[in-house]
Amino acid sequence: MNGVRPRAVLAELDARGAQVVFANQHDALLTELELAFETDVEGRLRLAGGEWIDLAQIRAAYVRPENSRRLPAVERERSAGGDWRRAEVLEEGLAAWADMTSALVVNRPARWPRTAPSRISRHCSAPSASAFPRRS
């Protein structure tokens, strides 16, 4: 998050008593996402092996991803021939959720410049899909 101090924002929200979850994109290879596209987008998220978070419980989100291909962990995984595309699929799935959720979303992906890393159309075509498979 270039130019933004997420720790300061988190500290301020915590001081106000807000329940906050910070999804660190650098942990993308350890994160799981399941989505279903029915009448509304539904799903759950598990950050780096933690507890599952019901996306319906999220009332507001500030979304500002980096290009997942440029993350150091993803570059290392790609160099090693590993499953680096997991990070890209996670990025696309969360962008789809952010565009379609009824939660307040600051910086919705639909408003991103055309050069932004979101490519969500292929996820929106199926009525129900697991956008991010669980790790075996």
C-alpha atoms as a PDB file:
ATOM      1  CA  MET A   1       0.000   0.000   0.000  1.00  0.00           C
ATOM      2  CA  ASN A   2       2.275   2.708  -1.283  1.00  0.00           C
ATOM      3  CA  GLY A   3       1.738   6.035   0.453  1.00  0.00           C
ATOM      4  CA  VAL A   4      -0.711   4.588   2.996  1.00  0.00           C
ATOM      5  CA  ARG A   5       0.280   3.484   6.469  1.00  0.00           C
ATOM      6  CA  PRO A   6      -1.996   0.502   7.098  1.00  0.00           C
ATOM      7  CA  ARG A   7      -0.724   0.053  10.666  1.00  0.00           C
ATOM      8  CA  ALA A   8      -1.736   3.629  11.524  1.00  0.00           C
ATOM      9  CA  VAL A   9      -5.176   3.119   9.990  1.00  0.00           C
ATOM     10  CA  LEU A  10      -5.586  -0.174  11.859  1.00  0.00           C
ATOM     11  CA  ALA A  11      -4.499   1.464  15.122  1.00  0.00           C
ATOM     12  CA  GLU A  12      -7.064   4.251  14.664  1.00  0.00           C
ATOM     13  CA  LEU A  13      -9.858   1.811  13.900  1.00  0.00           C
ATOM     14  CA  ASP A  14      -8.871  -0.286  16.906  1.00  0.00           C
ATOM     15  CA  ALA A  15      -8.894   2.820  19.118  1.00  0.00           C
ATOM     16  CA  ARG A  16     -12.462   3.444  17.944  1.00  0.00           C
ATOM     17  CA  GLY A  17     -13.481  -0.100  18.878  1.00  0.00           C
ATOM     18  CA  ALA A  18     -14.031  -1.292  15.316  1.00  0.00           C
ATOM     19  CA  GLN A  19     -13.680  -4.985  14.522  1.00  0.00           C
ATOM     20  CA  VAL A  20     -11.069  -5.070  11.784  1.00  0.00           C
ATOM     21  CA  VAL A  21      -9.474  -7.736   9.637  1.00  0.00           C
ATOM     22  CA  PHE A  22      -6.378  -6.885   7.613  1.00  0.00           C
ATOM     23  CA  ALA A  23      -5.827  -9.108   4.595  1.00  0.00           C
ATOM     24  CA  ASN A  24      -2.126  -8.871   3.830  1.00  0.00           C
ATOM     25  CA  GLN A  25      -1.710  -9.568   0.135  1.00  0.00           C
ATOM     26  CA  HIS A  26       1.839 -10.790   0.786  1.00  0.00           C
ATOM     27  CA  ASP A  27       0.194 -13.849   2.403  1.00  0.00           C
ATOM     28  CA  ALA A  28      -1.827 -14.605  -0.746  1.00  0.00           C
ATOM     29  CA  LEU A  29      -0.277 -18.033  -1.252  1.00  0.00           C
ATOM     30  CA  LEU A  30      -1.489 -19.040   2.238  1.00  0.00           C
ATOM     31  CA  THR A  31      -4.980 -17.569   1.881  1.00  0.00           C
ATOM     32  CA  GLU A  32      -8.153 -19.405   0.832  1.00  0.00           C
ATOM     33  CA  LEU A  33     -11.307 -17.979  -0.719  1.00  0.00           C
ATOM     34  CA  GLU A  34     -14.592 -19.675  -1.581  1.00  0.00           C
ATOM     35  CA  LEU A  35     -17.232 -17.752  -3.534  1.00  0.00           C
ATOM     36  CA  ALA A  36     -20.701 -18.527  -4.855  1.00  0.00           C
ATOM     37  CA  PHE A  37     -22.502 -16.216  -7.264  1.00  0.00           C
ATOM     38  CA  GLU A  38     -26.225 -16.626  -6.658  1.00  0.00           C
ATOM     39  CA  THR A  39     -28.646 -13.703  -6.132  1.00  0.00           C
ATOM     40  CA  ASP A  40     -25.798 -12.027  -4.238  1.00  0.00           C
ATOM     41  CA  VAL A  41     -22.153 -12.950  -3.939  1.00  0.00           C
ATOM     42  CA  GLU A  42     -21.544 -15.230  -0.959  1.00  0.00           C
ATOM     43  CA  GLY A  43     -18.417 -16.758   0.402  1.00  0.00           C
ATOM     44  CA  ARG A  44     -15.798 -17.071   3.026  1.00  0.00           C
ATOM     45  CA  LEU A  45     -12.141 -16.198   3.424  1.00  0.00           C
ATOM     46  CA  ARG A  46      -9.368 -17.749   5.478  1.00  0.00           C
ATOM     47  CA  LEU A  47      -6.242 -15.673   5.959  1.00  0.00           C
ATOM     48  CA  ALA A  48      -2.964 -17.606   6.235  1.00  0.00           C
ATOM     49  CA  GLY A  49      -4.491 -20.678   7.874  1.00  0.00           C
ATOM     50  CA  GLY A  50      -6.564 -18.756  10.409  1.00  0.00           C
ATOM     51  CA  GLU A  51     -10.285 -18.924  11.068  1.00  0.00           C
ATOM     52  CA  TRP A  52     -12.799 -18.731   8.235  1.00  0.00           C
ATOM     53  CA  ILE A  53     -14.427 -15.293   7.830  1.00  0.00           C
ATOM     54  CA  ASP A  54     -17.978 -15.160   6.472  1.00  0.00           C
ATOM     55  CA  LEU A  55     -17.879 -12.441   3.803  1.00  0.00           C
ATOM     56  CA  ALA A  56     -21.535 -11.605   4.565  1.00  0.00           C
ATOM     57  CA  GLN A  57     -20.358 -10.285   7.942  1.00  0.00           C
ATOM     58  CA  ILE A  58     -18.136  -7.643   6.336  1.00  0.00           C
ATOM     59  CA  ARG A  59     -19.925  -4.286   6.377  1.00  0.00           C
ATOM     60  CA  ALA A  60     -17.167  -2.163   4.828  1.00  0.00           C
ATOM     61  CA  ALA A  61     -13.878  -2.697   3.003  1.00  0.00           C
ATOM     62  CA  TYR A  62     -11.045  -0.629   1.651  1.00  0.00           C
ATOM     63  CA  VAL A  63      -9.587  -2.480  -1.319  1.00  0.00           C
ATOM     64  CA  ARG A  64      -6.199  -1.518  -2.686  1.00  0.00           C
ATOM     65  CA  PRO A  65      -4.324  -4.517  -4.053  1.00  0.00           C
ATOM     66  CA  GLU A  66      -0.936  -4.587  -5.673  1.00  0.00           C
ATOM     67  CA  ASN A  67      -0.296  -6.615  -8.813  1.00  0.00           C
ATOM     68  CA  SER A  68       0.031 -10.094  -7.299  1.00  0.00           C
ATOM     69  CA  ARG A  69       2.634 -11.110  -9.884  1.00  0.00           C
ATOM     70  CA  ARG A  70       5.038  -8.563  -8.385  1.00  0.00           C
ATOM     71  CA  LEU A  71       4.823  -9.820  -4.801  1.00  0.00           C
ATOM     72  CA  PRO A  72       8.143 -11.348  -3.628  1.00  0.00           C
ATOM     73  CA  ALA A  73       6.550 -14.617  -2.442  1.00  0.00           C
ATOM     74  CA  VAL A  74       4.747 -15.025  -5.766  1.00  0.00           C
ATOM     75  CA  GLU A  75       7.919 -14.307  -7.738  1.00  0.00           C
ATOM     76  CA  ARG A  76       9.783 -16.928  -5.674  1.00  0.00           C
ATOM     77  CA  GLU A  77       6.983 -19.459  -6.193  1.00  0.00           C
ATOM     78  CA  ARG A  78       6.962 -18.795  -9.947  1.00  0.00           C
ATOM     79  CA  SER A  79      10.769 -19.193 -10.131  1.00  0.00           C
ATOM     80  CA  ALA A  80      10.514 -22.505  -8.264  1.00  0.00           C
ATOM     81  CA  GLY A  81       7.804 -23.770 -10.630  1.00  0.00           C
ATOM     82  CA  GLY A  82       5.185 -23.763  -7.880  1.00  0.00           C
ATOM     83  CA  ASP A  83       1.510 -22.849  -7.829  1.00  0.00           C
ATOM     84  CA  TRP A  84       1.986 -19.064  -8.049  1.00  0.00           C
ATOM     85  CA  ARG A  85      -1.304 -18.572  -9.923  1.00  0.00           C
ATOM     86  CA  ARG A  86      -3.144 -19.084  -6.622  1.00  0.00           C
ATOM     87  CA  ALA A  87      -2.347 -15.458  -5.774  1.00  0.00           C
ATOM     88  CA  GLU A  88      -3.738 -14.237  -9.082  1.00  0.00           C
ATOM     89  CA  VAL A  89      -6.959 -16.244  -8.658  1.00  0.00           C
ATOM     90  CA  LEU A  90      -7.326 -14.872  -5.111  1.00  0.00           C
ATOM     91  CA  GLU A  91      -6.868 -11.331  -6.426  1.00  0.00           C
ATOM     92  CA  GLU A  92      -9.518 -11.877  -9.089  1.00  0.00           C
ATOM     93  CA  GLY A  93     -11.949 -13.510  -6.668  1.00  0.00           C
ATOM     94  CA  LEU A  94     -11.661 -10.726  -4.096  1.00  0.00           C
ATOM     95  CA  ALA A  95     -12.100  -8.140  -6.860  1.00  0.00           C
ATOM     96  CA  ALA A  96     -15.292  -9.913  -7.946  1.00  0.00           C
ATOM     97  CA  TRP A  97     -16.549  -9.937  -4.357  1.00  0.00           C
ATOM     98  CA  ALA A  98     -15.658  -6.252  -3.890  1.00  0.00           C
ATOM     99  CA  ASP A  99     -17.558  -5.279  -7.033  1.00  0.00           C
ATOM    100  CA  MET A 100     -20.663  -7.307  -6.245  1.00  0.00           C
ATOM    101  CA  THR A 101     -21.035  -7.189  -2.450  1.00  0.00           C
ATOM    102  CA  SER A 102     -23.673  -5.043  -0.785  1.00  0.00           C
ATOM    103  CA  ALA A 103     -21.045  -3.935   1.781  1.00  0.00           C
ATOM    104  CA  LEU A 104     -19.653  -0.414   1.592  1.00  0.00           C
ATOM    105  CA  VAL A 105     -16.500  -0.725  -0.504  1.00  0.00           C
ATOM    106  CA  VAL A 106     -14.104   2.172  -0.857  1.00  0.00           C
ATOM    107  CA  ASN A 107     -12.267   1.915  -4.169  1.00  0.00           C
ATOM    108  CA  ARG A 108     -14.469  -0.675  -5.910  1.00  0.00           C
ATOM    109  CA  PRO A 109     -12.567  -2.530  -8.649  1.00  0.00           C
ATOM    110  CA  ALA A 110     -15.087  -1.378 -11.288  1.00  0.00           C
ATOM    111  CA  ARG A 111     -13.685   2.119 -10.774  1.00  0.00           C
ATOM    112  CA  TRP A 112     -10.040   1.074 -11.141  1.00  0.00           C
ATOM    113  CA  PRO A 113      -8.160   2.232 -14.236  1.00  0.00           C
ATOM    114  CA  ARG A 114      -8.252  -0.252 -17.080  1.00  0.00           C
ATOM    115  CA  THR A 115      -4.600  -1.058 -16.364  1.00  0.00           C
ATOM    116  CA  ALA A 116      -5.442  -2.363 -12.875  1.00  0.00           C
ATOM    117  CA  PRO A 117      -4.798  -6.067 -12.225  1.00  0.00           C
ATOM    118  CA  SER A 118      -8.470  -7.062 -11.989  1.00  0.00           C
ATOM    119  CA  ARG A 119      -9.747  -9.550 -14.546  1.00  0.00           C
ATOM    120  CA  ILE A 120     -13.031 -10.683 -13.013  1.00  0.00           C
ATOM    121  CA  SER A 121     -15.302 -11.373 -15.976  1.00  0.00           C
ATOM    122  CA  ARG A 122     -14.486 -15.080 -16.172  1.00  0.00           C
ATOM    123  CA  HIS A 123     -15.543 -15.522 -12.531  1.00  0.00           C
ATOM    124  CA  CYS A 124     -18.888 -13.825 -13.033  1.00  0.00           C
ATOM    125  CA  SER A 125     -20.117 -16.044 -15.849  1.00  0.00           C
ATOM    126  CA  ALA A 126     -20.943 -19.115 -13.736  1.00  0.00           C
ATOM    127  CA  PRO A 127     -23.901 -18.986 -11.329  1.00  0.00           C
ATOM    128  CA  SER A 128     -21.910 -20.784  -8.664  1.00  0.00           C
ATOM    129  CA  ALA A 129     -18.191 -21.302  -8.431  1.00  0.00           C
ATOM    130  CA  SER A 130     -15.393 -21.888  -5.979  1.00  0.00           C
ATOM    131  CA  ALA A 131     -13.179 -18.994  -6.976  1.00  0.00           C
ATOM    132  CA  PHE A 132     -10.250 -20.191  -4.921  1.00  0.00           C
ATOM    133  CA  PRO A 133      -9.788 -23.868  -4.164  1.00  0.00           C
ATOM    134  CA  ARG A 134      -8.682 -25.068  -0.772  1.00  0.00           C
ATOM    135  CA  ARG A 135      -5.106 -26.173  -0.381  1.00  0.00           C
ATOM    136  CA  SER A 136      -4.759 -29.947  -0.293  1.00  0.00           C
END
